[in-house]
Amino acid sequence: MKRMHVFISGRVQGVAFRHYTVKTALSLNLRGWVRNLDDGRVEAVFEGDDSAVDTMLAWCRKGPSSARVTLVDVQEGPFSGQYKDFKIKF
């Protein structure tokens, strides 16, 4: 099990990035959250099986077809198990 905290830059707001992140994360049985930041980036925390988190990170580097991802900053941390679902934070 692993945890990744990511910051995604590019055209990632106003393109349903959070919605598709939730949909993809849930399909991979991941837990955590995603939110928009005031500086135009998207921030997310993913927890779950190693391979599922890796698959999610690969998806984040592309995003939905309407997005244009330019950078994904990834910070690995210890798995906490504190999340029970995956949701959008406001």
PDB file of N, CA and C in Angstrom:
ATOM      1  N   MET A   1       0.847  -1.177   0.000  1.00  0.00           N
ATOM      2  CA  MET A   1       0.000   0.000   0.000  1.00  0.00           C
ATOM      3  C   MET A   1       0.893   1.240   0.000  1.00  0.00           C
ATOM      4  N   LYS A   2       0.436   2.262  -0.731  1.00  0.00           N
ATOM      5  CA  LYS A   2       1.220   3.486  -0.775  1.00  0.00           C
ATOM      6  C   LYS A   2       0.329   4.709  -0.814  1.00  0.00           C
ATOM      7  N   ARG A   3       0.983   5.850  -0.579  1.00  0.00           N
ATOM      8  CA  ARG A   3       0.306   7.152  -0.574  1.00  0.00           C
ATOM      9  C   ARG A   3       1.109   8.108  -1.447  1.00  0.00           C
ATOM     10  N   MET A   4       0.401   8.834  -2.308  1.00  0.00           N
ATOM     11  CA  MET A   4       1.026   9.859  -3.134  1.00  0.00           C
ATOM     12  C   MET A   4       0.228  11.149  -3.020  1.00  0.00           C
ATOM     13  N   HIS A   5       0.958  12.243  -2.824  1.00  0.00           N
ATOM     14  CA  HIS A   5       0.381  13.588  -2.776  1.00  0.00           C
ATOM     15  C   HIS A   5       0.869  14.276  -4.043  1.00  0.00           C
ATOM     16  N   VAL A   6      -0.053  14.714  -4.895  1.00  0.00           N
ATOM     17  CA  VAL A   6       0.337  15.249  -6.198  1.00  0.00           C
ATOM     18  C   VAL A   6      -0.208  16.657  -6.419  1.00  0.00           C
ATOM     19  N   PHE A   7       0.548  17.414  -7.194  1.00  0.00           N
ATOM     20  CA  PHE A   7       0.152  18.742  -7.644  1.00  0.00           C
ATOM     21  C   PHE A   7       0.253  18.730  -9.165  1.00  0.00           C
ATOM     22  N   ILE A   8      -0.856  19.010  -9.839  1.00  0.00           N
ATOM     23  CA  ILE A   8      -0.929  18.895 -11.291  1.00  0.00           C
ATOM     24  C   ILE A   8      -1.080  20.290 -11.885  1.00  0.00           C
ATOM     25  N   SER A   9      -0.178  20.630 -12.804  1.00  0.00           N
ATOM     26  CA  SER A   9      -0.171  21.955 -13.432  1.00  0.00           C
ATOM     27  C   SER A   9      -0.553  21.852 -14.894  1.00  0.00           C
ATOM     28  N   GLY A  10      -0.992  22.971 -15.444  1.00  0.00           N
ATOM     29  CA  GLY A  10      -1.390  23.054 -16.844  1.00  0.00           C
ATOM     30  C   GLY A  10      -2.813  23.567 -16.939  1.00  0.00           C
ATOM     31  N   ARG A  11      -3.479  23.222 -18.026  1.00  0.00           N
ATOM     32  CA  ARG A  11      -4.902  23.567 -18.144  1.00  0.00           C
ATOM     33  C   ARG A  11      -5.682  22.432 -17.488  1.00  0.00           C
ATOM     34  N   VAL A  12      -5.857  22.545 -16.179  1.00  0.00           N
ATOM     35  CA  VAL A  12      -6.459  21.459 -15.403  1.00  0.00           C
ATOM     36  C   VAL A  12      -7.676  21.912 -14.596  1.00  0.00           C
ATOM     37  N   GLN A  13      -8.043  23.181 -14.708  1.00  0.00           N
ATOM     38  CA  GLN A  13      -9.269  23.660 -14.070  1.00  0.00           C
ATOM     39  C   GLN A  13     -10.245  24.087 -15.158  1.00  0.00           C
ATOM     40  N   GLY A  14     -11.538  23.857 -14.899  1.00  0.00           N
ATOM     41  CA  GLY A  14     -12.561  24.185 -15.885  1.00  0.00           C
ATOM     42  C   GLY A  14     -12.678  23.159 -16.994  1.00  0.00           C
ATOM     43  N   VAL A  15     -12.072  21.983 -16.800  1.00  0.00           N
ATOM     44  CA  VAL A  15     -12.092  20.929 -17.822  1.00  0.00           C
ATOM     45  C   VAL A  15     -12.551  19.592 -17.234  1.00  0.00           C
ATOM     46  N   ALA A  16     -13.237  19.641 -16.087  1.00  0.00           N
ATOM     47  CA  ALA A  16     -13.762  18.445 -15.395  1.00  0.00           C
ATOM     48  C   ALA A  16     -12.655  17.520 -14.891  1.00  0.00           C
ATOM     49  N   PHE A  17     -11.476  18.078 -14.632  1.00  0.00           N
ATOM     50  CA  PHE A  17     -10.360  17.256 -14.166  1.00  0.00           C
ATOM     51  C   PHE A  17     -10.696  16.568 -12.853  1.00  0.00           C
ATOM     52  N   ARG A  18     -11.277  17.297 -11.904  1.00  0.00           N
ATOM     53  CA  ARG A  18     -11.618  16.698 -10.610  1.00  0.00           C
ATOM     54  C   ARG A  18     -12.643  15.579 -10.774  1.00  0.00           C
ATOM     55  N   HIS A  19     -13.663  15.817 -11.583  1.00  0.00           N
ATOM     56  CA  HIS A  19     -14.697  14.801 -11.804  1.00  0.00           C
ATOM     57  C   HIS A  19     -14.082  13.506 -12.338  1.00  0.00           C
ATOM     58  N   TYR A  20     -13.255  13.617 -13.357  1.00  0.00           N
ATOM     59  CA  TYR A  20     -12.644  12.421 -13.937  1.00  0.00           C
ATOM     60  C   TYR A  20     -11.606  11.796 -13.009  1.00  0.00           C
ATOM     61  N   THR A  21     -10.981  12.608 -12.168  1.00  0.00           N
ATOM     62  CA  THR A  21     -10.063  12.061 -11.176  1.00  0.00           C
ATOM     63  C   THR A  21     -10.818  11.177 -10.194  1.00  0.00           C
ATOM     64  N   VAL A  22     -11.960  11.656  -9.708  1.00  0.00           N
ATOM     65  CA  VAL A  22     -12.781  10.856  -8.790  1.00  0.00           C
ATOM     66  C   VAL A  22     -13.222   9.566  -9.468  1.00  0.00           C
ATOM     67  N   LYS A  23     -13.729   9.669 -10.677  1.00  0.00           N
ATOM     68  CA  LYS A  23     -14.207   8.487 -11.411  1.00  0.00           C
ATOM     69  C   LYS A  23     -13.085   7.457 -11.594  1.00  0.00           C
ATOM     70  N   THR A  24     -11.912   7.918 -11.982  1.00  0.00           N
ATOM     71  CA  THR A  24     -10.781   7.017 -12.209  1.00  0.00           C
ATOM     72  C   THR A  24     -10.286   6.417 -10.899  1.00  0.00           C
ATOM     73  N   ALA A  25     -10.166   7.246  -9.866  1.00  0.00           N
ATOM     74  CA  ALA A  25      -9.693   6.756  -8.563  1.00  0.00           C
ATOM     75  C   ALA A  25     -10.636   5.698  -7.996  1.00  0.00           C
ATOM     76  N   LEU A  26     -11.935   5.940  -8.081  1.00  0.00           N
ATOM     77  CA  LEU A  26     -12.896   4.960  -7.568  1.00  0.00           C
ATOM     78  C   LEU A  26     -12.829   3.654  -8.353  1.00  0.00           C
ATOM     79  N   SER A  27     -12.609   3.743  -9.664  1.00  0.00           N
ATOM     80  CA  SER A  27     -12.515   2.521 -10.472  1.00  0.00           C
ATOM     81  C   SER A  27     -11.284   1.698 -10.095  1.00  0.00           C
ATOM     82  N   LEU A  28     -10.282   2.353  -9.495  1.00  0.00           N
ATOM     83  CA  LEU A  28      -9.057   1.677  -9.062  1.00  0.00           C
ATOM     84  C   LEU A  28      -9.075   1.335  -7.572  1.00  0.00           C
ATOM     85  N   ASN A  29     -10.205   1.561  -6.914  1.00  0.00           N
ATOM     86  CA  ASN A  29     -10.345   1.310  -5.467  1.00  0.00           C
ATOM     87  C   ASN A  29      -9.396   2.156  -4.630  1.00  0.00           C
ATOM     88  N   LEU A  30      -9.130   3.362  -5.070  1.00  0.00           N
ATOM     89  CA  LEU A  30      -8.264   4.257  -4.310  1.00  0.00           C
ATOM     90  C   LEU A  30      -9.082   5.093  -3.340  1.00  0.00           C
ATOM     91  N   ARG A  31      -8.421   5.590  -2.316  1.00  0.00           N
ATOM     92  CA  ARG A  31      -9.025   6.466  -1.321  1.00  0.00           C
ATOM     93  C   ARG A  31      -8.238   7.770  -1.303  1.00  0.00           C
ATOM     94  N   GLY A  32      -8.905   8.860  -0.906  1.00  0.00           N
ATOM     95  CA  GLY A  32      -8.235  10.150  -0.817  1.00  0.00           C
ATOM     96  C   GLY A  32      -9.137  11.275  -1.256  1.00  0.00           C
ATOM     97  N   TRP A  33      -8.538  12.283  -1.892  1.00  0.00           N
ATOM     98  CA  TRP A  33      -9.302  13.460  -2.289  1.00  0.00           C
ATOM     99  C   TRP A  33      -8.595  14.215  -3.411  1.00  0.00           C
ATOM    100  N   VAL A  34      -9.355  15.145  -4.023  1.00  0.00           N
ATOM    101  CA  VAL A  34      -8.829  16.021  -5.065  1.00  0.00           C
ATOM    102  C   VAL A  34      -9.473  17.393  -4.890  1.00  0.00           C
ATOM    103  N   ARG A  35      -8.722  18.455  -5.197  1.00  0.00           N
ATOM    104  CA  ARG A  35      -9.286  19.805  -5.116  1.00  0.00           C
ATOM    105  C   ARG A  35      -8.542  20.758  -6.050  1.00  0.00           C
ATOM    106  N   ASN A  36      -9.232  21.846  -6.419  1.00  0.00           N
ATOM    107  CA  ASN A  36      -8.612  22.928  -7.168  1.00  0.00           C
ATOM    108  C   ASN A  36      -7.876  23.842  -6.204  1.00  0.00           C
ATOM    109  N   LEU A  37      -6.757  24.377  -6.647  1.00  0.00           N
ATOM    110  CA  LEU A  37      -6.014  25.371  -5.874  1.00  0.00           C
ATOM    111  C   LEU A  37      -6.195  26.752  -6.508  1.00  0.00           C
ATOM    112  N   ASP A  38      -6.053  27.781  -5.707  1.00  0.00           N
ATOM    113  CA  ASP A  38      -6.217  29.149  -6.195  1.00  0.00           C
ATOM    114  C   ASP A  38      -5.201  29.524  -7.272  1.00  0.00           C
ATOM    115  N   ASP A  39      -4.058  28.841  -7.302  1.00  0.00           N
ATOM    116  CA  ASP A  39      -3.020  29.169  -8.291  1.00  0.00           C
ATOM    117  C   ASP A  39      -3.217  28.466  -9.634  1.00  0.00           C
ATOM    118  N   GLY A  40      -4.355  27.754  -9.800  1.00  0.00           N
ATOM    119  CA  GLY A  40      -4.662  27.107 -11.074  1.00  0.00           C
ATOM    120  C   GLY A  40      -4.289  25.645 -11.151  1.00  0.00           C
ATOM    121  N   ARG A  41      -3.595  25.137 -10.140  1.00  0.00           N
ATOM    122  CA  ARG A  41      -3.238  23.720 -10.126  1.00  0.00           C
ATOM    123  C   ARG A  41      -4.351  22.896  -9.500  1.00  0.00           C
ATOM    124  N   VAL A  42      -4.233  21.582  -9.654  1.00  0.00           N
ATOM    125  CA  VAL A  42      -5.087  20.619  -8.964  1.00  0.00           C
ATOM    126  C   VAL A  42      -4.197  19.856  -7.994  1.00  0.00           C
ATOM    127  N   GLU A  43      -4.693  19.653  -6.785  1.00  0.00           N
ATOM    128  CA  GLU A  43      -3.976  18.908  -5.750  1.00  0.00           C
ATOM    129  C   GLU A  43      -4.775  17.658  -5.430  1.00  0.00           C
ATOM    130  N   ALA A  44      -4.090  16.543  -5.194  1.00  0.00           N
ATOM    131  CA  ALA A  44      -4.782  15.299  -4.850  1.00  0.00           C
ATOM    132  C   ALA A  44      -3.909  14.430  -3.962  1.00  0.00           C
ATOM    133  N   VAL A  45      -4.571  13.591  -3.179  1.00  0.00           N
ATOM    134  CA  VAL A  45      -3.911  12.556  -2.388  1.00  0.00           C
ATOM    135  C   VAL A  45      -4.541  11.230  -2.775  1.00  0.00           C
ATOM    136  N   PHE A  46      -3.706  10.261  -3.116  1.00  0.00           N
ATOM    137  CA  PHE A  46      -4.159   8.922  -3.479  1.00  0.00           C
ATOM    138  C   PHE A  46      -3.559   7.911  -2.520  1.00  0.00           C
ATOM    139  N   GLU A  47      -4.385   7.016  -1.999  1.00  0.00           N
ATOM    140  CA  GLU A  47      -3.911   5.909  -1.173  1.00  0.00           C
ATOM    141  C   GLU A  47      -4.529   4.615  -1.675  1.00  0.00           C
ATOM    142  N   GLY A  48      -3.712   3.555  -1.699  1.00  0.00           N
ATOM    143  CA  GLY A  48      -4.214   2.254  -2.102  1.00  0.00           C
ATOM    144  C   GLY A  48      -3.091   1.330  -2.514  1.00  0.00           C
ATOM    145  N   ASP A  49      -3.466   0.279  -3.241  1.00  0.00           N
ATOM    146  CA  ASP A  49      -2.485  -0.689  -3.724  1.00  0.00           C
ATOM    147  C   ASP A  49      -1.439   0.003  -4.594  1.00  0.00           C
ATOM    148  N   ASP A  50      -0.211  -0.462  -4.489  1.00  0.00           N
ATOM    149  CA  ASP A  50       0.892   0.147  -5.233  1.00  0.00           C
ATOM    150  C   ASP A  50       0.587   0.280  -6.719  1.00  0.00           C
ATOM    151  N   SER A  51       0.129  -0.791  -7.341  1.00  0.00           N
ATOM    152  CA  SER A  51      -0.105  -0.759  -8.788  1.00  0.00           C
ATOM    153  C   SER A  51      -1.247   0.182  -9.150  1.00  0.00           C
ATOM    154  N   ALA A  52      -2.261   0.269  -8.299  1.00  0.00           N
ATOM    155  CA  ALA A  52      -3.385   1.170  -8.560  1.00  0.00           C
ATOM    156  C   ALA A  52      -2.941   2.627  -8.460  1.00  0.00           C
ATOM    157  N   VAL A  53      -2.120   2.943  -7.470  1.00  0.00           N
ATOM    158  CA  VAL A  53      -1.608   4.309  -7.334  1.00  0.00           C
ATOM    159  C   VAL A  53      -0.728   4.653  -8.534  1.00  0.00           C
ATOM    160  N   ASP A  54       0.099   3.715  -8.973  1.00  0.00           N
ATOM    161  CA  ASP A  54       0.943   3.950 -10.148  1.00  0.00           C
ATOM    162  C   ASP A  54       0.098   4.193 -11.394  1.00  0.00           C
ATOM    163  N   THR A  55      -0.972   3.425 -11.555  1.00  0.00           N
ATOM    164  CA  THR A  55      -1.887   3.617 -12.687  1.00  0.00           C
ATOM    165  C   THR A  55      -2.539   4.993 -12.616  1.00  0.00           C
ATOM    166  N   MET A  56      -2.924   5.409 -11.425  1.00  0.00           N
ATOM    167  CA  MET A  56      -3.550   6.721 -11.243  1.00  0.00           C
ATOM    168  C   MET A  56      -2.572   7.835 -11.582  1.00  0.00           C
ATOM    169  N   LEU A  57      -1.328   7.696 -11.173  1.00  0.00           N
ATOM    170  CA  LEU A  57      -0.321   8.713 -11.490  1.00  0.00           C
ATOM    171  C   LEU A  57      -0.104   8.824 -12.997  1.00  0.00           C
ATOM    172  N   ALA A  58      -0.101   7.698 -13.683  1.00  0.00           N
ATOM    173  CA  ALA A  58       0.033   7.715 -15.141  1.00  0.00           C
ATOM    174  C   ALA A  58      -1.151   8.447 -15.764  1.00  0.00           C
ATOM    175  N   TRP A  59      -2.354   8.215 -15.233  1.00  0.00           N
ATOM    176  CA  TRP A  59      -3.540   8.913 -15.735  1.00  0.00           C
ATOM    177  C   TRP A  59      -3.410  10.416 -15.486  1.00  0.00           C
ATOM    178  N   CYS A  60      -2.928  10.811 -14.312  1.00  0.00           N
ATOM    179  CA  CYS A  60      -2.786  12.234 -13.976  1.00  0.00           C
ATOM    180  C   CYS A  60      -1.851  12.954 -14.942  1.00  0.00           C
ATOM    181  N   ARG A  61      -0.891  12.255 -15.482  1.00  0.00           N
ATOM    182  CA  ARG A  61       0.049  12.884 -16.414  1.00  0.00           C
ATOM    183  C   ARG A  61      -0.607  13.202 -17.755  1.00  0.00           C
ATOM    184  N   LYS A  62      -1.782  12.606 -18.007  1.00  0.00           N
ATOM    185  CA  LYS A  62      -2.546  12.872 -19.237  1.00  0.00           C
ATOM    186  C   LYS A  62      -3.833  13.621 -18.921  1.00  0.00           C
ATOM    187  N   GLY A  63      -4.583  13.137 -17.933  1.00  0.00           N
ATOM    188  CA  GLY A  63      -5.863  13.738 -17.571  1.00  0.00           C
ATOM    189  C   GLY A  63      -6.925  13.466 -18.614  1.00  0.00           C
ATOM    190  N   PRO A  64      -8.091  14.090 -18.454  1.00  0.00           N
ATOM    191  CA  PRO A  64      -9.151  13.927 -19.449  1.00  0.00           C
ATOM    192  C   PRO A  64      -8.745  14.604 -20.757  1.00  0.00           C
ATOM    193  N   SER A  65      -9.429  14.281 -21.834  1.00  0.00           N
ATOM    194  CA  SER A  65      -9.030  14.773 -23.156  1.00  0.00           C
ATOM    195  C   SER A  65      -9.042  16.296 -23.262  1.00  0.00           C
ATOM    196  N   SER A  66      -9.860  16.974 -22.469  1.00  0.00           N
ATOM    197  CA  SER A  66      -9.935  18.435 -22.532  1.00  0.00           C
ATOM    198  C   SER A  66      -8.823  19.131 -21.743  1.00  0.00           C
ATOM    199  N   ALA A  67      -8.064  18.389 -20.962  1.00  0.00           N
ATOM    200  CA  ALA A  67      -6.987  18.960 -20.146  1.00  0.00           C
ATOM    201  C   ALA A  67      -5.670  18.963 -20.910  1.00  0.00           C
ATOM    202  N   ARG A  68      -4.766  19.829 -20.470  1.00  0.00           N
ATOM    203  CA  ARG A  68      -3.400  19.861 -20.992  1.00  0.00           C
ATOM    204  C   ARG A  68      -2.463  19.902 -19.795  1.00  0.00           C
ATOM    205  N   VAL A  69      -1.985  18.749 -19.391  1.00  0.00           N
ATOM    206  CA  VAL A  69      -1.109  18.652 -18.225  1.00  0.00           C
ATOM    207  C   VAL A  69       0.318  18.996 -18.641  1.00  0.00           C
ATOM    208  N   THR A  70       0.939  19.910 -17.887  1.00  0.00           N
ATOM    209  CA  THR A  70       2.320  20.293 -18.181  1.00  0.00           C
ATOM    210  C   THR A  70       3.307  19.774 -17.143  1.00  0.00           C
ATOM    211  N   LEU A  71       2.830  19.525 -15.910  1.00  0.00           N
ATOM    212  CA  LEU A  71       3.727  19.067 -14.853  1.00  0.00           C
ATOM    213  C   LEU A  71       2.926  18.350 -13.777  1.00  0.00           C
ATOM    214  N   VAL A  72       3.468  17.241 -13.286  1.00  0.00           N
ATOM    215  CA  VAL A  72       2.896  16.551 -12.130  1.00  0.00           C
ATOM    216  C   VAL A  72       4.008  16.418 -11.099  1.00  0.00           C
ATOM    217  N   ASP A  73       3.849  17.127  -9.984  1.00  0.00           N
ATOM    218  CA  ASP A  73       4.800  17.066  -8.874  1.00  0.00           C
ATOM    219  C   ASP A  73       4.284  16.016  -7.898  1.00  0.00           C
ATOM    220  N   VAL A  74       5.081  14.975  -7.659  1.00  0.00           N
ATOM    221  CA  VAL A  74       4.652  13.837  -6.839  1.00  0.00           C
ATOM    222  C   VAL A  74       5.482  13.775  -5.566  1.00  0.00           C
ATOM    223  N   GLN A  75       4.799  13.662  -4.445  1.00  0.00           N
ATOM    224  CA  GLN A  75       5.458  13.515  -3.150  1.00  0.00           C
ATOM    225  C   GLN A  75       4.942  12.234  -2.502  1.00  0.00           C
ATOM    226  N   GLU A  76       5.826  11.262  -2.345  1.00  0.00           N
ATOM    227  CA  GLU A  76       5.424  10.002  -1.716  1.00  0.00           C
ATOM    228  C   GLU A  76       5.483  10.149  -0.205  1.00  0.00           C
ATOM    229  N   GLY A  77       4.510   9.568   0.461  1.00  0.00           N
ATOM    230  CA  GLY A  77       4.465   9.607   1.916  1.00  0.00           C
ATOM    231  C   GLY A  77       4.025   8.266   2.462  1.00  0.00           C
ATOM    232  N   PRO A  78       4.012   8.128   3.781  1.00  0.00           N
ATOM    233  CA  PRO A  78       3.591   6.862   4.389  1.00  0.00           C
ATOM    234  C   PRO A  78       2.086   6.657   4.248  1.00  0.00           C
ATOM    235  N   PHE A  79       1.691   5.439   3.953  1.00  0.00           N
ATOM    236  CA  PHE A  79       0.273   5.087   3.863  1.00  0.00           C
ATOM    237  C   PHE A  79      -0.365   5.308   5.227  1.00  0.00           C
ATOM    238  N   SER A  80      -1.502   6.004   5.256  1.00  0.00           N
ATOM    239  CA  SER A  80      -2.149   6.292   6.541  1.00  0.00           C
ATOM    240  C   SER A  80      -3.435   5.498   6.758  1.00  0.00           C
ATOM    241  N   GLY A  81      -4.129   5.160   5.681  1.00  0.00           N
ATOM    242  CA  GLY A  81      -5.402   4.461   5.816  1.00  0.00           C
ATOM    243  C   GLY A  81      -6.507   5.315   6.407  1.00  0.00           C
ATOM    244  N   GLN A  82      -6.312   6.630   6.446  1.00  0.00           N
ATOM    245  CA  GLN A  82      -7.285   7.512   7.088  1.00  0.00           C
ATOM    246  C   GLN A  82      -8.513   7.809   6.239  1.00  0.00           C
ATOM    247  N   TYR A  83      -8.454   7.549   4.946  1.00  0.00           N
ATOM    248  CA  TYR A  83      -9.571   7.877   4.055  1.00  0.00           C
ATOM    249  C   TYR A  83     -10.451   6.657   3.824  1.00  0.00           C
ATOM    250  N   LYS A  84     -11.748   6.890   3.799  1.00  0.00           N
ATOM    251  CA  LYS A  84     -12.706   5.796   3.595  1.00  0.00           C
ATOM    252  C   LYS A  84     -13.299   5.805   2.195  1.00  0.00           C
ATOM    253  N   ASP A  85     -13.071   6.892   1.448  1.00  0.00           N
ATOM    254  CA  ASP A  85     -13.616   7.019   0.104  1.00  0.00           C
ATOM    255  C   ASP A  85     -12.712   7.955  -0.694  1.00  0.00           C
ATOM    256  N   PHE A  86     -13.155   8.322  -1.883  1.00  0.00           N
ATOM    257  CA  PHE A  86     -12.424   9.304  -2.672  1.00  0.00           C
ATOM    258  C   PHE A  86     -13.408  10.393  -3.046  1.00  0.00           C
ATOM    259  N   LYS A  87     -13.056  11.648  -2.747  1.00  0.00           N
ATOM    260  CA  LYS A  87     -14.019  12.724  -2.970  1.00  0.00           C
ATOM    261  C   LYS A  87     -13.336  14.019  -3.382  1.00  0.00           C
ATOM    262  N   ILE A  88     -14.157  14.941  -3.830  1.00  0.00           N
ATOM    263  CA  ILE A  88     -13.702  16.289  -4.142  1.00  0.00           C
ATOM    264  C   ILE A  88     -13.755  17.108  -2.863  1.00  0.00           C
ATOM    265  N   LYS A  89     -12.647  17.773  -2.559  1.00  0.00           N
ATOM    266  CA  LYS A  89     -12.604  18.704  -1.421  1.00  0.00           C
ATOM    267  C   LYS A  89     -12.823  20.114  -1.944  1.00  0.00           C
ATOM    268  N   PHE A  90     -13.506  20.912  -1.164  1.00  0.00           N
ATOM    269  CA  PHE A  90     -13.744  22.314  -1.527  1.00  0.00           C
ATOM    270  C   PHE A  90     -13.120  23.234  -0.502  1.00  0.00           C
TER     271      PHE A  90
END
